[in-house]
């Protein structure tokens, strides 16, 4: 019995279950390897993207520069409101 059959919260499609069942009973190593490749392709397609790291972005600036990083885009944002305070 496969894990996906015993735990109902796994987000796997029926195709993934079929791939695992077929691989578990396949005797030919080449065919078995291909079934596991199919399994991996389907898992990649089914699972959401999960960011493992979030880089911290720092901005070094002169105190006279005003409105340089006012949004989430940081220095990549529109600089229409940027000005230099003298």
C-alpha atoms as a PDB file:
ATOM      1  CA  UNK A   1       0.000   0.000   0.000  1.00  0.00           C
ATOM      2  CA  UNK A   2       1.349   3.409  -0.978  1.00  0.00           C
ATOM      3  CA  UNK A   3       1.719   6.359   1.368  1.00  0.00           C
ATOM      4  CA  UNK A   4      -0.674   8.387  -0.773  1.00  0.00           C
ATOM      5  CA  UNK A   5      -3.333   5.712  -0.204  1.00  0.00           C
ATOM      6  CA  UNK A   6      -2.967   5.788   3.589  1.00  0.00           C
ATOM      7  CA  UNK A   7      -2.749   9.565   4.070  1.00  0.00           C
ATOM      8  CA  UNK A   8      -5.519  11.499   2.361  1.00  0.00           C
ATOM      9  CA  UNK A   9      -4.037  14.993   2.791  1.00  0.00           C
ATOM     10  CA  UNK A  10      -1.230  14.555   0.247  1.00  0.00           C
ATOM     11  CA  UNK A  11      -1.806  16.797  -2.785  1.00  0.00           C
ATOM     12  CA  UNK A  12      -0.979  14.140  -5.368  1.00  0.00           C
ATOM     13  CA  UNK A  13      -2.913  13.512  -8.521  1.00  0.00           C
ATOM     14  CA  UNK A  14      -4.218  10.095  -9.467  1.00  0.00           C
ATOM     15  CA  UNK A  15      -1.512   9.905 -12.148  1.00  0.00           C
ATOM     16  CA  UNK A  16       1.192  10.081  -9.476  1.00  0.00           C
ATOM     17  CA  UNK A  17      -0.431   7.206  -7.607  1.00  0.00           C
ATOM     18  CA  UNK A  18      -0.559   5.168 -10.818  1.00  0.00           C
ATOM     19  CA  UNK A  19       3.118   5.915 -11.530  1.00  0.00           C
ATOM     20  CA  UNK A  20       4.169   4.774  -8.064  1.00  0.00           C
ATOM     21  CA  UNK A  21       2.050   1.625  -8.182  1.00  0.00           C
ATOM     22  CA  UNK A  22       3.436   0.709 -11.606  1.00  0.00           C
ATOM     23  CA  UNK A  23       7.040   1.351 -10.504  1.00  0.00           C
ATOM     24  CA  UNK A  24       6.574  -0.705  -7.355  1.00  0.00           C
ATOM     25  CA  UNK A  25       5.531  -3.760  -9.354  1.00  0.00           C
ATOM     26  CA  UNK A  26       7.859  -3.329 -12.370  1.00  0.00           C
ATOM     27  CA  UNK A  27      10.657  -5.909 -12.634  1.00  0.00           C
ATOM     28  CA  UNK A  28      12.559  -4.439 -15.607  1.00  0.00           C
ATOM     29  CA  UNK A  29      15.050  -1.846 -14.221  1.00  0.00           C
ATOM     30  CA  UNK A  30      14.860   0.330 -17.346  1.00  0.00           C
ATOM     31  CA  UNK A  31      11.071   0.488 -17.335  1.00  0.00           C
ATOM     32  CA  UNK A  32      11.102   1.050 -13.570  1.00  0.00           C
ATOM     33  CA  UNK A  33      13.512   3.982 -13.959  1.00  0.00           C
ATOM     34  CA  UNK A  34      11.261   5.513 -16.628  1.00  0.00           C
ATOM     35  CA  UNK A  35       8.240   5.172 -14.328  1.00  0.00           C
ATOM     36  CA  UNK A  36      10.127   6.983 -11.573  1.00  0.00           C
ATOM     37  CA  UNK A  37      11.066   9.733 -14.050  1.00  0.00           C
ATOM     38  CA  UNK A  38       7.357  10.050 -14.908  1.00  0.00           C
ATOM     39  CA  UNK A  39       6.553  10.193 -11.204  1.00  0.00           C
ATOM     40  CA  UNK A  40       9.058  13.012 -10.679  1.00  0.00           C
ATOM     41  CA  UNK A  41       7.716  14.972 -13.662  1.00  0.00           C
ATOM     42  CA  UNK A  42       4.169  14.739 -12.307  1.00  0.00           C
ATOM     43  CA  UNK A  43       5.235  15.727  -8.774  1.00  0.00           C
ATOM     44  CA  UNK A  44       7.008  18.812 -10.120  1.00  0.00           C
ATOM     45  CA  UNK A  45       3.872  19.741 -12.069  1.00  0.00           C
ATOM     46  CA  UNK A  46       1.540  19.214  -9.079  1.00  0.00           C
ATOM     47  CA  UNK A  47       3.464  20.942  -6.300  1.00  0.00           C
ATOM     48  CA  UNK A  48       3.532  24.715  -5.861  1.00  0.00           C
ATOM     49  CA  UNK A  49       6.751  26.711  -6.023  1.00  0.00           C
ATOM     50  CA  UNK A  50       8.202  27.261  -2.565  1.00  0.00           C
ATOM     51  CA  UNK A  51      10.834  29.935  -2.071  1.00  0.00           C
ATOM     52  CA  UNK A  52      13.531  28.503   0.149  1.00  0.00           C
ATOM     53  CA  UNK A  53      15.391  31.761   0.613  1.00  0.00           C
ATOM     54  CA  UNK A  54      14.417  35.404   0.547  1.00  0.00           C
ATOM     55  CA  UNK A  55      17.422  37.623   0.001  1.00  0.00           C
ATOM     56  CA  UNK A  56      17.616  40.679   2.197  1.00  0.00           C
ATOM     57  CA  UNK A  57      18.050  43.819   0.150  1.00  0.00           C
ATOM     58  CA  UNK A  58      19.873  46.763   1.629  1.00  0.00           C
ATOM     59  CA  UNK A  59      20.082  50.300   0.311  1.00  0.00           C
ATOM     60  CA  UNK A  60      23.032  52.529   1.138  1.00  0.00           C
ATOM     61  CA  UNK A  61      22.234  56.168   0.474  1.00  0.00           C
ATOM     62  CA  UNK A  62      23.106  59.735   1.347  1.00  0.00           C
ATOM     63  CA  UNK A  63      20.729  61.442   3.817  1.00  0.00           C
ATOM     64  CA  UNK A  64      20.139  64.197   1.269  1.00  0.00           C
ATOM     65  CA  UNK A  65      18.496  61.772  -1.211  1.00  0.00           C
ATOM     66  CA  UNK A  66      14.745  61.769  -0.514  1.00  0.00           C
ATOM     67  CA  UNK A  67      12.157  59.132  -1.656  1.00  0.00           C
ATOM     68  CA  UNK A  68      14.741  56.736  -3.072  1.00  0.00           C
ATOM     69  CA  UNK A  69      13.182  53.447  -1.850  1.00  0.00           C
ATOM     70  CA  UNK A  70       9.574  54.116  -0.939  1.00  0.00           C
ATOM     71  CA  UNK A  71       8.069  50.795  -2.086  1.00  0.00           C
ATOM     72  CA  UNK A  72       8.677  47.068  -2.181  1.00  0.00           C
ATOM     73  CA  UNK A  73      10.544  47.369  -5.491  1.00  0.00           C
ATOM     74  CA  UNK A  74      13.353  49.302  -3.791  1.00  0.00           C
ATOM     75  CA  UNK A  75      15.811  50.828  -6.228  1.00  0.00           C
ATOM     76  CA  UNK A  76      14.044  49.107  -9.137  1.00  0.00           C
ATOM     77  CA  UNK A  77      10.973  51.282  -8.623  1.00  0.00           C
ATOM     78  CA  UNK A  78      10.005  54.443 -10.468  1.00  0.00           C
ATOM     79  CA  UNK A  79      12.205  57.343  -9.333  1.00  0.00           C
ATOM     80  CA  UNK A  80       9.699  60.026 -10.341  1.00  0.00           C
ATOM     81  CA  UNK A  81       9.460  61.310  -6.733  1.00  0.00           C
ATOM     82  CA  UNK A  82      13.202  61.155  -6.038  1.00  0.00           C
ATOM     83  CA  UNK A  83      14.861  64.434  -5.103  1.00  0.00           C
ATOM     84  CA  UNK A  84      18.026  65.781  -3.501  1.00  0.00           C
ATOM     85  CA  UNK A  85      17.654  67.925  -0.367  1.00  0.00           C
ATOM     86  CA  UNK A  86      20.403  70.524  -0.153  1.00  0.00           C
END
